[in-house]
C-alpha atoms as a PDB file:
ATOM      1  CA  GLN A   1      95.964  56.376 -46.891  1.00  0.00           C
ATOM      2  CA  VAL A   2      92.286  55.950 -46.006  1.00  0.00           C
ATOM      3  CA  GLN A   3      89.385  57.888 -47.444  1.00  0.00           C
ATOM      4  CA  LEU A   4      86.104  57.948 -45.553  1.00  0.00           C
ATOM      5  CA  VAL A   5      82.613  58.796 -46.782  1.00  0.00           C
ATOM      6  CA  GLU A   6      79.639  59.043 -44.433  1.00  0.00           C
ATOM      7  CA  SER A   7      76.043  58.554 -45.497  1.00  0.00           C
ATOM      8  CA  GLY A   8      72.617  57.982 -44.004  1.00  0.00           C
ATOM      9  CA  GLY A   9      71.931  61.300 -42.340  1.00  0.00           C
ATOM     10  CA  GLY A  10      68.646  63.142 -42.631  1.00  0.00           C
ATOM     11  CA  LEU A  11      65.638  64.539 -40.851  1.00  0.00           C
ATOM     12  CA  VAL A  12      63.822  62.310 -38.378  1.00  0.00           C
ATOM     13  CA  GLN A  13      61.181  62.841 -35.725  1.00  0.00           C
ATOM     14  CA  PRO A  14      61.977  62.393 -32.037  1.00  0.00           C
ATOM     15  CA  GLY A  15      61.870  58.723 -31.163  1.00  0.00           C
ATOM     16  CA  GLY A  16      62.804  57.711 -34.680  1.00  0.00           C
ATOM     17  CA  SER A  17      65.821  55.880 -36.028  1.00  0.00           C
ATOM     18  CA  LEU A  18      68.607  56.432 -38.518  1.00  0.00           C
ATOM     19  CA  ARG A  19      71.487  54.285 -39.635  1.00  0.00           C
ATOM     20  CA  LEU A  20      74.705  56.056 -40.537  1.00  0.00           C
ATOM     21  CA  SER A  21      77.380  54.381 -42.576  1.00  0.00           C
ATOM     22  CA  CYS A  22      81.065  55.159 -42.904  1.00  0.00           C
ATOM     23  CA  ALA A  23      82.578  53.647 -46.035  1.00  0.00           C
ATOM     24  CA  ALA A  24      86.348  53.411 -46.325  1.00  0.00           C
ATOM     25  CA  SER A  25      88.630  53.075 -49.291  1.00  0.00           C
ATOM     26  CA  GLY A  26      92.236  52.029 -49.001  1.00  0.00           C
ATOM     27  CA  ASN A  27      94.115  49.092 -47.695  1.00  0.00           C
ATOM     28  CA  ALA A  28      94.068  47.316 -44.368  1.00  0.00           C
ATOM     29  CA  PHE A  29      90.785  48.787 -43.165  1.00  0.00           C
ATOM     30  CA  SER A  30      90.419  45.997 -40.645  1.00  0.00           C
ATOM     31  CA  ILE A  31      93.365  47.192 -38.558  1.00  0.00           C
ATOM     32  CA  TYR A  32      91.919  50.655 -38.019  1.00  0.00           C
ATOM     33  CA  ALA A  33      89.912  51.709 -35.000  1.00  0.00           C
ATOM     34  CA  ILE A  34      86.903  53.722 -36.098  1.00  0.00           C
ATOM     35  CA  PHE A  35      85.361  56.570 -34.156  1.00  0.00           C
ATOM     36  CA  TRP A  36      82.105  58.472 -34.628  1.00  0.00           C
ATOM     37  CA  TYR A  37      82.028  62.092 -33.515  1.00  0.00           C
ATOM     38  CA  ARG A  38      79.329  64.722 -33.700  1.00  0.00           C
ATOM     39  CA  GLN A  39      79.255  68.489 -33.592  1.00  0.00           C
ATOM     40  CA  ALA A  40      76.140  70.512 -32.915  1.00  0.00           C
ATOM     41  CA  PRO A  41      75.906  74.190 -33.875  1.00  0.00           C
ATOM     42  CA  GLY A  42      77.807  76.350 -31.422  1.00  0.00           C
ATOM     43  CA  LYS A  43      79.203  73.356 -29.547  1.00  0.00           C
ATOM     44  CA  GLN A  44      82.488  71.510 -29.473  1.00  0.00           C
ATOM     45  CA  ARG A  45      82.855  68.255 -31.323  1.00  0.00           C
ATOM     46  CA  GLU A  46      82.205  65.294 -29.061  1.00  0.00           C
ATOM     47  CA  TRP A  47      83.034  61.630 -29.307  1.00  0.00           C
ATOM     48  CA  VAL A  48      79.978  59.405 -29.694  1.00  0.00           C
ATOM     49  CA  ALA A  49      81.112  55.825 -30.183  1.00  0.00           C
ATOM     50  CA  SER A  50      84.044  53.758 -31.341  1.00  0.00           C
ATOM     51  CA  ILE A  51      84.944  50.243 -32.390  1.00  0.00           C
ATOM     52  CA  SER A  52      88.359  48.670 -32.210  1.00  0.00           C
ATOM     53  CA  SER A  53      89.976  46.469 -34.832  1.00  0.00           C
ATOM     54  CA  SER A  54      88.944  43.455 -32.750  1.00  0.00           C
ATOM     55  CA  GLY A  55      85.336  44.611 -32.526  1.00  0.00           C
ATOM     56  CA  SER A  56      85.243  46.007 -29.002  1.00  0.00           C
ATOM     57  CA  THR A  57      82.730  48.824 -28.763  1.00  0.00           C
ATOM     58  CA  TYR A  58      82.555  51.954 -26.618  1.00  0.00           C
ATOM     59  CA  TYR A  59      79.904  54.639 -26.206  1.00  0.00           C
ATOM     60  CA  THR A  60      79.520  57.984 -24.584  1.00  0.00           C
ATOM     61  CA  ASP A  61      77.012  57.843 -21.734  1.00  0.00           C
ATOM     62  CA  SER A  62      74.336  59.897 -23.477  1.00  0.00           C
ATOM     63  CA  VAL A  63      73.897  57.329 -26.271  1.00  0.00           C
ATOM     64  CA  LYS A  64      74.342  54.064 -24.381  1.00  0.00           C
ATOM     65  CA  GLY A  65      71.394  51.774 -24.970  1.00  0.00           C
ATOM     66  CA  ARG A  66      70.239  53.807 -27.983  1.00  0.00           C
ATOM     67  CA  PHE A  67      73.154  53.677 -30.445  1.00  0.00           C
ATOM     68  CA  THR A  68      74.992  50.635 -31.750  1.00  0.00           C
ATOM     69  CA  ILE A  69      78.265  50.704 -33.667  1.00  0.00           C
ATOM     70  CA  SER A  70      79.280  47.796 -35.862  1.00  0.00           C
ATOM     71  CA  ARG A  71      81.786  47.041 -38.566  1.00  0.00           C
ATOM     72  CA  ASP A  72      81.938  44.850 -41.642  1.00  0.00           C
ATOM     73  CA  ASN A  73      85.556  44.450 -42.643  1.00  0.00           C
ATOM     74  CA  ALA A  74      84.634  42.593 -45.820  1.00  0.00           C
ATOM     75  CA  LYS A  75      82.735  45.660 -47.003  1.00  0.00           C
ATOM     76  CA  ASN A  76      85.066  48.239 -45.403  1.00  0.00           C
ATOM     77  CA  THR A  77      82.170  49.839 -43.567  1.00  0.00           C
ATOM     78  CA  VAL A  78      81.296  50.908 -40.051  1.00  0.00           C
ATOM     79  CA  ASP A  79      77.675  51.622 -39.223  1.00  0.00           C
ATOM     80  CA  LEU A  80      76.079  53.571 -36.424  1.00  0.00           C
ATOM     81  CA  GLN A  81      72.513  52.498 -35.722  1.00  0.00           C
ATOM     82  CA  MET A  82      70.738  55.276 -33.867  1.00  0.00           C
ATOM     83  CA  ASN A  83      67.432  54.535 -32.155  1.00  0.00           C
ATOM     84  CA  SER A  84      65.164  56.574 -29.893  1.00  0.00           C
ATOM     85  CA  LEU A  85      66.611  59.753 -31.308  1.00  0.00           C
ATOM     86  CA  LYS A  86      66.271  62.975 -29.370  1.00  0.00           C
ATOM     87  CA  PRO A  87      66.467  66.609 -30.496  1.00  0.00           C
ATOM     88  CA  GLU A  88      69.772  66.882 -28.665  1.00  0.00           C
ATOM     89  CA  ASP A  89      71.221  64.282 -31.034  1.00  0.00           C
ATOM     90  CA  THR A  90      71.009  66.861 -33.820  1.00  0.00           C
ATOM     91  CA  ALA A  91      74.516  67.422 -35.173  1.00  0.00           C
ATOM     92  CA  VAL A  92      76.900  66.769 -38.014  1.00  0.00           C
ATOM     93  CA  TYR A  93      78.219  63.232 -37.542  1.00  0.00           C
ATOM     94  CA  SER A  94      81.692  62.364 -38.781  1.00  0.00           C
ATOM     95  CA  CYS A  95      83.719  59.196 -38.753  1.00  0.00           C
ATOM     96  CA  ASN A  96      87.395  59.007 -37.983  1.00  0.00           C
ATOM     97  CA  ALA A  97      89.864  56.192 -38.630  1.00  0.00           C
ATOM     98  CA  ARG A  98      93.075  55.739 -36.660  1.00  0.00           C
ATOM     99  CA  ASN A  99      95.919  53.336 -37.276  1.00  0.00           C
ATOM    100  CA  PRO A 100      96.951  50.971 -34.468  1.00  0.00           C
ATOM    101  CA  SER A 101      99.728  53.253 -33.213  1.00  0.00           C
ATOM    102  CA  MET A 102      97.312  56.216 -33.247  1.00  0.00           C
ATOM    103  CA  THR A 103      99.853  58.188 -35.249  1.00  0.00           C
ATOM    104  CA  ARG A 104      97.583  58.717 -38.237  1.00  0.00           C
ATOM    105  CA  ALA A 105      93.979  59.816 -38.365  1.00  0.00           C
ATOM    106  CA  TYR A 106      91.589  60.263 -41.256  1.00  0.00           C
ATOM    107  CA  TRP A 107      88.246  62.054 -41.349  1.00  0.00           C
ATOM    108  CA  GLY A 108      85.169  61.899 -43.491  1.00  0.00           C
ATOM    109  CA  GLN A 109      83.231  64.977 -44.593  1.00  0.00           C
ATOM    110  CA  GLY A 110      80.334  64.423 -42.208  1.00  0.00           C
ATOM    111  CA  THR A 111      76.609  63.859 -42.541  1.00  0.00           C
ATOM    112  CA  GLN A 112      73.850  65.988 -41.030  1.00  0.00           C
ATOM    113  CA  VAL A 113      71.398  64.440 -38.587  1.00  0.00           C
ATOM    114  CA  THR A 114      68.407  66.549 -37.586  1.00  0.00           C
ATOM    115  CA  VAL A 115      65.911  65.341 -34.997  1.00  0.00           C
ATOM    116  CA  SER A 116      62.843  67.527 -35.014  1.00  0.00           C
ATOM    117  CA  SER A 117      59.075  67.328 -35.114  1.00  0.00           C
END
């Protein structure tokens, strides 16, 4: 069982930065792949970025070059550094953990990111 708690959301002006964190409790965090998703009002949830257990990273095209995902297995955390934020990045951001066989998935409660002047 893995419990996830996101933090770091808030209100930021266009062009600004935020750093989201996903903190996990439970055993064997290092074997889980971690995914960040976001959902804007009236839109479907979309995948943003992910990091494998070995540290390989993947990004959706709209955030490449602006967002960076990283993990610290000693602290059981995965961070999402978001730079050059745009109004279209406004959404609730949630992290998701999946076991190696992808048969189990766990979600956090989400954190609101609002990009507005």
